[in-house]
């Protein structure tokens, strides 16, 4: 009887510890400013964070990774996620891609830039158990780089123009 009571109490304590740990990791995951999604090997979503659930990719969660079609019916971000996950599944190695999705021009800049990282999750025996993906939106950084390159080009033009003016002034003098 004492052993049964001890096992029951220990099991209850272990469950509470596990629930606390799961709550901790869920809160950390939900506060990341990245889109994180974990899929099984068939492409069904098993875990995702708040950023993913509140994004425009949320409705395209499950992807058929076993199908041989090209995923043409998917939106660009989901199509790229599918391709990356398939390559991760086949190679067993992380895959990383940067890409730009052109917008309709109504929004400032007219595009969105992303970095997609697909990675395998292994079990204790070294077999792929799940597939993870992290999407980092880099739109602001891409717009800043574009603005900087435009500014540099404009400054270069001004320098060439002023140099030509100085050369003319020197010749006239």
Protein backbone atom coordinates (compact mmCIF):
# COMPACT_ATOMS: atom_id res chain seq x y z
CA UNK A 1 0.00 0.00 0.00
CA UNK A 2 2.86 2.35 0.89
CA UNK A 3 4.52 1.67 -2.46
CA UNK A 4 1.26 2.39 -4.32
CA UNK A 5 0.82 5.69 -2.47
CA UNK A 6 4.45 6.65 -3.15
CA UNK A 7 4.14 5.78 -6.88
CA UNK A 8 0.88 7.70 -7.14
CA UNK A 9 2.38 10.79 -5.51
CA UNK A 10 5.53 10.57 -7.63
CA UNK A 11 3.48 10.17 -10.82
CA UNK A 12 1.35 13.18 -9.89
CA UNK A 13 4.49 15.24 -9.15
CA UNK A 14 6.11 14.18 -12.44
CA UNK A 15 2.97 15.12 -14.37
CA UNK A 16 2.91 18.54 -12.72
CA UNK A 17 6.58 19.05 -13.58
CA UNK A 18 5.93 18.02 -17.17
CA UNK A 19 2.88 20.31 -17.43
CA UNK A 20 4.92 23.19 -16.01
CA UNK A 21 7.75 22.56 -18.44
CA UNK A 22 5.34 22.35 -21.37
CA UNK A 23 3.65 25.60 -20.30
CA UNK A 24 7.06 27.27 -20.03
CA UNK A 25 8.16 26.18 -23.52
CA UNK A 26 4.77 27.07 -25.04
CA UNK A 27 4.98 30.59 -23.63
CA UNK A 28 8.53 31.05 -24.92
CA UNK A 29 7.51 29.73 -28.34
CA UNK A 30 4.42 31.95 -28.52
CA UNK A 31 6.43 35.09 -27.78
CA UNK A 32 9.02 34.56 -30.50
CA UNK A 33 8.66 37.07 -33.35
CA UNK A 34 9.18 34.23 -35.84
CA UNK A 35 6.77 31.86 -37.51
CA UNK A 36 7.56 28.39 -36.12
CA UNK A 37 5.82 25.23 -37.29
CA UNK A 38 6.53 21.55 -36.62
CA UNK A 39 5.11 18.90 -38.98
CA UNK A 40 5.03 15.15 -39.02
CA UNK A 41 6.63 13.32 -41.94
CA UNK A 42 3.41 13.41 -43.97
CA UNK A 43 3.20 17.21 -43.66
CA UNK A 44 0.48 17.56 -40.99
CA UNK A 45 0.98 20.39 -38.50
CA UNK A 46 1.77 19.11 -35.01
CA UNK A 47 2.84 22.36 -33.35
CA UNK A 48 2.89 26.04 -34.27
CA UNK A 49 3.35 29.28 -32.41
CA UNK A 50 1.15 32.36 -32.14
CA UNK A 51 3.00 34.26 -34.88
CA UNK A 52 2.20 31.46 -37.32
CA UNK A 53 -1.45 31.17 -36.26
CA UNK A 54 -1.99 34.92 -36.73
CA UNK A 55 -0.24 35.11 -40.13
CA UNK A 56 -1.62 34.69 -43.62
CA UNK A 57 0.02 31.25 -43.86
CA UNK A 58 -2.11 29.82 -41.03
CA UNK A 59 -4.79 28.44 -43.35
CA UNK A 60 -2.17 26.53 -45.36
CA UNK A 61 -0.90 24.51 -42.41
CA UNK A 62 -1.00 20.92 -43.66
CA UNK A 63 1.13 20.26 -46.72
CA UNK A 64 1.21 16.95 -48.55
CA UNK A 65 4.93 16.17 -48.47
CA UNK A 66 4.50 12.70 -49.96
CA UNK A 67 2.70 13.85 -53.12
CA UNK A 68 4.70 14.28 -56.31
CA UNK A 69 2.73 17.31 -57.57
CA UNK A 70 4.48 20.68 -57.62
CA UNK A 71 2.09 22.42 -55.18
CA UNK A 72 1.04 25.01 -57.76
CA UNK A 73 -2.27 25.59 -55.94
CA UNK A 74 -0.46 26.83 -52.82
CA UNK A 75 0.44 30.47 -52.18
CA UNK A 76 4.14 31.31 -52.72
CA UNK A 77 5.22 31.10 -49.07
CA UNK A 78 3.51 27.74 -48.51
CA UNK A 79 4.85 26.39 -51.81
CA UNK A 80 8.39 27.30 -50.78
CA UNK A 81 7.82 25.80 -47.31
CA UNK A 82 6.66 22.57 -48.95
CA UNK A 83 9.70 22.43 -51.25
CA UNK A 84 12.06 23.14 -48.36
CA UNK A 85 10.43 20.53 -46.13
CA UNK A 86 10.58 17.91 -48.91
CA UNK A 87 14.30 18.61 -49.42
CA UNK A 88 14.88 18.41 -45.67
CA UNK A 89 13.03 15.09 -45.55
CA UNK A 90 15.07 13.67 -48.46
CA UNK A 91 18.48 14.96 -47.38
CA UNK A 92 18.11 14.84 -43.60
CA UNK A 93 19.91 18.19 -43.43
CA UNK A 94 18.73 21.73 -42.68
CA UNK A 95 17.76 23.85 -45.66
CA UNK A 96 17.69 27.65 -45.83
CA UNK A 97 16.21 29.99 -48.41
CA UNK A 98 15.70 33.70 -48.77
CA UNK A 99 12.96 34.94 -51.03
CA UNK A 100 10.80 37.92 -51.91
CA UNK A 101 7.08 37.88 -52.59
CA UNK A 102 5.90 40.76 -54.71
CA UNK A 103 2.82 42.56 -53.39
CA UNK A 104 0.08 44.30 -55.27
CA UNK A 105 1.80 47.69 -54.92
CA UNK A 106 -0.86 49.09 -52.60
CA UNK A 107 1.34 48.69 -49.57
CA UNK A 108 4.54 50.66 -49.07
CA UNK A 109 7.38 48.97 -50.91
CA UNK A 110 5.14 46.44 -52.65
CA UNK A 111 6.97 43.31 -51.45
CA UNK A 112 7.66 41.04 -48.49
CA UNK A 113 11.06 39.45 -47.85
CA UNK A 114 11.46 36.23 -45.88
CA UNK A 115 14.10 33.78 -44.74
CA UNK A 116 12.87 30.18 -44.42
CA UNK A 117 14.82 27.59 -42.47
CA UNK A 118 13.70 23.97 -42.62
CA UNK A 119 15.30 21.46 -40.27
CA UNK A 120 14.89 17.80 -39.34
CA UNK A 121 14.04 16.74 -35.79
CA UNK A 122 15.54 13.37 -34.91
CA UNK A 123 14.49 10.75 -32.37
CA UNK A 124 16.98 9.15 -29.97
CA UNK A 125 17.92 6.55 -32.61
CA UNK A 126 18.86 9.23 -35.18
CA UNK A 127 15.82 8.79 -37.43
CA UNK A 128 13.87 11.81 -38.63
CA UNK A 129 10.79 12.07 -36.47
CA UNK A 130 9.45 15.53 -37.36
CA UNK A 131 10.22 18.46 -39.65
CA UNK A 132 10.56 21.98 -38.32
CA UNK A 133 10.42 25.29 -40.11
CA UNK A 134 11.14 28.82 -39.00
CA UNK A 135 10.17 31.81 -41.10
CA UNK A 136 11.79 35.16 -40.39
CA UNK A 137 10.20 38.18 -42.02
CA UNK A 138 12.97 40.45 -43.26
CA UNK A 139 10.84 42.98 -45.14
CA UNK A 140 11.99 46.03 -43.19
CA UNK A 141 15.65 45.09 -43.55
CA UNK A 142 15.19 44.49 -47.30
CA UNK A 143 13.44 47.85 -47.71
CA UNK A 144 16.23 49.54 -45.75
CA UNK A 145 18.87 47.89 -47.98
CA UNK A 146 16.96 49.00 -51.09
CA UNK A 147 16.64 52.58 -49.79
CA UNK A 148 20.35 52.62 -48.95
CA UNK A 149 21.36 51.40 -52.40
CA UNK A 150 19.08 54.02 -54.01
CA UNK A 151 20.62 56.71 -51.81
CA UNK A 152 24.13 55.53 -52.70
CA UNK A 153 23.28 55.67 -56.41
CA UNK A 154 21.82 59.17 -56.02
CA UNK A 155 24.91 60.36 -54.13
CA UNK A 156 27.18 58.87 -56.79
CA UNK A 157 25.25 60.78 -59.47
CA UNK A 158 25.56 64.00 -57.46
CA UNK A 159 29.31 63.48 -57.02
CA UNK A 160 29.77 62.94 -60.75
CA UNK A 161 27.67 66.02 -61.53
CA UNK A 162 29.59 68.22 -59.08
CA UNK A 163 32.90 66.89 -60.33
CA UNK A 164 31.90 67.81 -63.89
CA UNK A 165 30.83 71.30 -62.71
CA UNK A 166 34.16 71.79 -60.92
CA UNK A 167 36.08 70.69 -64.01
CA UNK A 168 34.11 73.21 -66.13
CA UNK A 169 34.72 75.95 -63.57
CA UNK A 170 38.43 75.12 -63.51
CA UNK A 171 38.64 75.30 -67.30
CA UNK A 172 36.81 78.61 -67.38
CA UNK A 173 39.05 80.03 -64.69
